[in-house]
Amino acid sequence: RKHIIKVQTKCRKYRITQAEYARVLEENNGRCGICGEVRQPEQMVIDHDHSTGVVRGLLCCKCNAGIGFFDEDADKMQKAICYIEAHAALGNASTKVLAKK
């Protein structure tokens, strides 16, 4: 019962119906729209564009927070991806780079 109330509250806040919430959840097979992790319905966050209020989909808390930390800016997120990929390519050499400074 408690999880139903959580979902109802989220739906009211973002002005979507419970049927719309259930449809998106089903389309994603109960998975986060970014990382693909399976979550219980009450653990999903309704992701929305903060400037327009338009609902984009359902995400896990970590992915939703990640978007928020990057100010919903795709350019910043892309730069973060490049940064991670560049350092992954360096492997253990990246720790040596920091040690030299």
C-alpha atoms as a PDB file:
ATOM      1  CA  ARG A   1       0.000   0.000   0.000  1.00  0.00           C
ATOM      2  CA  LYS A   2       2.832   2.398   0.900  1.00  0.00           C
ATOM      3  CA  HIS A   3       4.455   2.063  -2.536  1.00  0.00           C
ATOM      4  CA  ILE A   4       1.141   2.840  -4.252  1.00  0.00           C
ATOM      5  CA  ILE A   5       0.873   6.114  -2.314  1.00  0.00           C
ATOM      6  CA  LYS A   6       4.445   7.057  -3.322  1.00  0.00           C
ATOM      7  CA  VAL A   7       3.654   6.502  -7.002  1.00  0.00           C
ATOM      8  CA  GLN A   8       0.370   8.435  -6.723  1.00  0.00           C
ATOM      9  CA  THR A   9       2.184  11.369  -5.103  1.00  0.00           C
ATOM     10  CA  LYS A  10       4.830  11.441  -7.834  1.00  0.00           C
ATOM     11  CA  CYS A  11       2.195  11.337 -10.565  1.00  0.00           C
ATOM     12  CA  ARG A  12       0.253  14.227  -9.059  1.00  0.00           C
ATOM     13  CA  LYS A  13       3.427  16.295  -8.684  1.00  0.00           C
ATOM     14  CA  TYR A  14       4.393  15.913 -12.354  1.00  0.00           C
ATOM     15  CA  ARG A  15       0.817  15.912 -13.680  1.00  0.00           C
ATOM     16  CA  ILE A  16       0.849  12.484 -15.275  1.00  0.00           C
ATOM     17  CA  THR A  17      -1.669   9.722 -14.760  1.00  0.00           C
ATOM     18  CA  GLN A  18      -0.851   6.481 -13.022  1.00  0.00           C
ATOM     19  CA  ALA A  19      -1.664   4.766 -16.321  1.00  0.00           C
ATOM     20  CA  GLU A  20       1.004   6.863 -18.104  1.00  0.00           C
ATOM     21  CA  TYR A  21       3.505   6.035 -15.350  1.00  0.00           C
ATOM     22  CA  ALA A  22       2.677   2.325 -15.650  1.00  0.00           C
ATOM     23  CA  ARG A  23       2.963   2.464 -19.463  1.00  0.00           C
ATOM     24  CA  VAL A  24       6.448   4.017 -19.379  1.00  0.00           C
ATOM     25  CA  LEU A  25       7.531   1.580 -16.665  1.00  0.00           C
ATOM     26  CA  GLU A  26       6.282  -1.328 -18.762  1.00  0.00           C
ATOM     27  CA  GLU A  27       7.913   0.011 -21.961  1.00  0.00           C
ATOM     28  CA  ASN A  28      11.228   0.134 -20.086  1.00  0.00           C
ATOM     29  CA  ASN A  29      10.653  -3.321 -18.541  1.00  0.00           C
ATOM     30  CA  GLY A  30      10.978  -1.762 -15.087  1.00  0.00           C
ATOM     31  CA  ARG A  31      14.452  -0.455 -15.955  1.00  0.00           C
ATOM     32  CA  CYS A  32      16.056   2.947 -15.573  1.00  0.00           C
ATOM     33  CA  GLY A  33      16.013   4.841 -18.877  1.00  0.00           C
ATOM     34  CA  ILE A  34      19.777   5.462 -18.634  1.00  0.00           C
ATOM     35  CA  CYS A  35      21.648   2.700 -16.785  1.00  0.00           C
ATOM     36  CA  GLY A  36      19.107  -0.060 -17.404  1.00  0.00           C
ATOM     37  CA  GLU A  37      19.036  -1.240 -13.779  1.00  0.00           C
ATOM     38  CA  VAL A  38      15.774  -2.847 -12.707  1.00  0.00           C
ATOM     39  CA  ARG A  39      14.009  -0.955  -9.923  1.00  0.00           C
ATOM     40  CA  GLN A  40      10.727  -1.288  -8.058  1.00  0.00           C
ATOM     41  CA  PRO A  41       8.118   1.211  -9.306  1.00  0.00           C
ATOM     42  CA  GLU A  42       8.302   3.302  -6.135  1.00  0.00           C
ATOM     43  CA  GLN A  43      12.096   3.569  -6.535  1.00  0.00           C
ATOM     44  CA  MET A  44      11.851   5.172  -9.958  1.00  0.00           C
ATOM     45  CA  VAL A  45      12.072   8.936 -10.332  1.00  0.00           C
ATOM     46  CA  ILE A  46       9.962  10.856 -12.826  1.00  0.00           C
ATOM     47  CA  ASP A  47      12.588  12.705 -14.834  1.00  0.00           C
ATOM     48  CA  HIS A  48      11.551  16.040 -16.260  1.00  0.00           C
ATOM     49  CA  ASP A  49      13.076  19.036 -17.992  1.00  0.00           C
ATOM     50  CA  HIS A  50      13.421  21.700 -15.314  1.00  0.00           C
ATOM     51  CA  SER A  51      13.035  24.559 -17.784  1.00  0.00           C
ATOM     52  CA  THR A  52       9.837  23.273 -19.437  1.00  0.00           C
ATOM     53  CA  GLY A  53       8.435  20.836 -16.886  1.00  0.00           C
ATOM     54  CA  VAL A  54       7.976  18.225 -19.628  1.00  0.00           C
ATOM     55  CA  VAL A  55       8.319  14.649 -18.364  1.00  0.00           C
ATOM     56  CA  ARG A  56      11.060  12.722 -20.191  1.00  0.00           C
ATOM     57  CA  GLY A  57      10.800   9.313 -18.569  1.00  0.00           C
ATOM     58  CA  LEU A  58      11.635   7.211 -15.532  1.00  0.00           C
ATOM     59  CA  LEU A  59      15.114   6.953 -14.050  1.00  0.00           C
ATOM     60  CA  CYS A  60      16.781   5.521 -10.983  1.00  0.00           C
ATOM     61  CA  CYS A  61      17.800   8.048  -8.332  1.00  0.00           C
ATOM     62  CA  LYS A  62      21.503   7.916  -9.253  1.00  0.00           C
ATOM     63  CA  CYS A  63      20.959   8.662 -12.938  1.00  0.00           C
ATOM     64  CA  ASN A  64      18.445  11.404 -12.199  1.00  0.00           C
ATOM     65  CA  ALA A  65      20.881  13.022  -9.755  1.00  0.00           C
ATOM     66  CA  GLY A  66      23.675  12.714 -12.312  1.00  0.00           C
ATOM     67  CA  ILE A  67      21.698  14.661 -14.883  1.00  0.00           C
ATOM     68  CA  GLY A  68      20.959  17.276 -12.242  1.00  0.00           C
ATOM     69  CA  PHE A  69      24.599  17.606 -11.197  1.00  0.00           C
ATOM     70  CA  PHE A  70      25.429  18.371 -14.828  1.00  0.00           C
ATOM     71  CA  ASP A  71      22.663  21.010 -14.950  1.00  0.00           C
ATOM     72  CA  GLU A  72      20.884  18.977 -17.662  1.00  0.00           C
ATOM     73  CA  ASP A  73      23.628  20.198 -20.014  1.00  0.00           C
ATOM     74  CA  ALA A  74      24.446  17.609 -22.692  1.00  0.00           C
ATOM     75  CA  ASP A  75      27.729  19.372 -23.517  1.00  0.00           C
ATOM     76  CA  LYS A  76      28.935  19.041 -19.914  1.00  0.00           C
ATOM     77  CA  MET A  77      27.886  15.387 -19.878  1.00  0.00           C
ATOM     78  CA  GLN A  78      29.746  14.741 -23.129  1.00  0.00           C
ATOM     79  CA  LYS A  79      32.873  16.378 -21.709  1.00  0.00           C
ATOM     80  CA  ALA A  80      32.578  14.121 -18.647  1.00  0.00           C
ATOM     81  CA  ILE A  81      32.330  11.074 -20.937  1.00  0.00           C
ATOM     82  CA  CYS A  82      35.448  12.168 -22.843  1.00  0.00           C
ATOM     83  CA  TYR A  83      37.279  12.750 -19.560  1.00  0.00           C
ATOM     84  CA  ILE A  84      36.395   9.287 -18.227  1.00  0.00           C
ATOM     85  CA  GLU A  85      37.271   7.598 -21.522  1.00  0.00           C
ATOM     86  CA  ALA A  86      40.607   9.416 -21.752  1.00  0.00           C
ATOM     87  CA  HIS A  87      41.569   8.357 -18.240  1.00  0.00           C
ATOM     88  CA  ALA A  88      40.348   4.806 -18.790  1.00  0.00           C
ATOM     89  CA  ALA A  89      42.657   4.614 -21.810  1.00  0.00           C
ATOM     90  CA  LEU A  90      45.566   5.674 -19.603  1.00  0.00           C
ATOM     91  CA  GLY A  91      44.861   2.875 -17.152  1.00  0.00           C
ATOM     92  CA  ASN A  92      47.306   2.945 -14.240  1.00  0.00           C
ATOM     93  CA  ALA A  93      49.298   5.699 -15.948  1.00  0.00           C
ATOM     94  CA  SER A  94      46.710   8.235 -14.738  1.00  0.00           C
ATOM     95  CA  THR A  95      47.815   7.779 -11.127  1.00  0.00           C
ATOM     96  CA  LYS A  96      51.399   8.430 -12.204  1.00  0.00           C
ATOM     97  CA  VAL A  97      50.347  11.676 -13.874  1.00  0.00           C
ATOM     98  CA  LEU A  98      48.873  12.937 -10.592  1.00  0.00           C
ATOM     99  CA  ALA A  99      51.908  11.816  -8.599  1.00  0.00           C
ATOM    100  CA  LYS A 100      54.274  13.912 -10.757  1.00  0.00           C
ATOM    101  CA  LYS A 101      52.478  17.186 -10.069  1.00  0.00           C
END
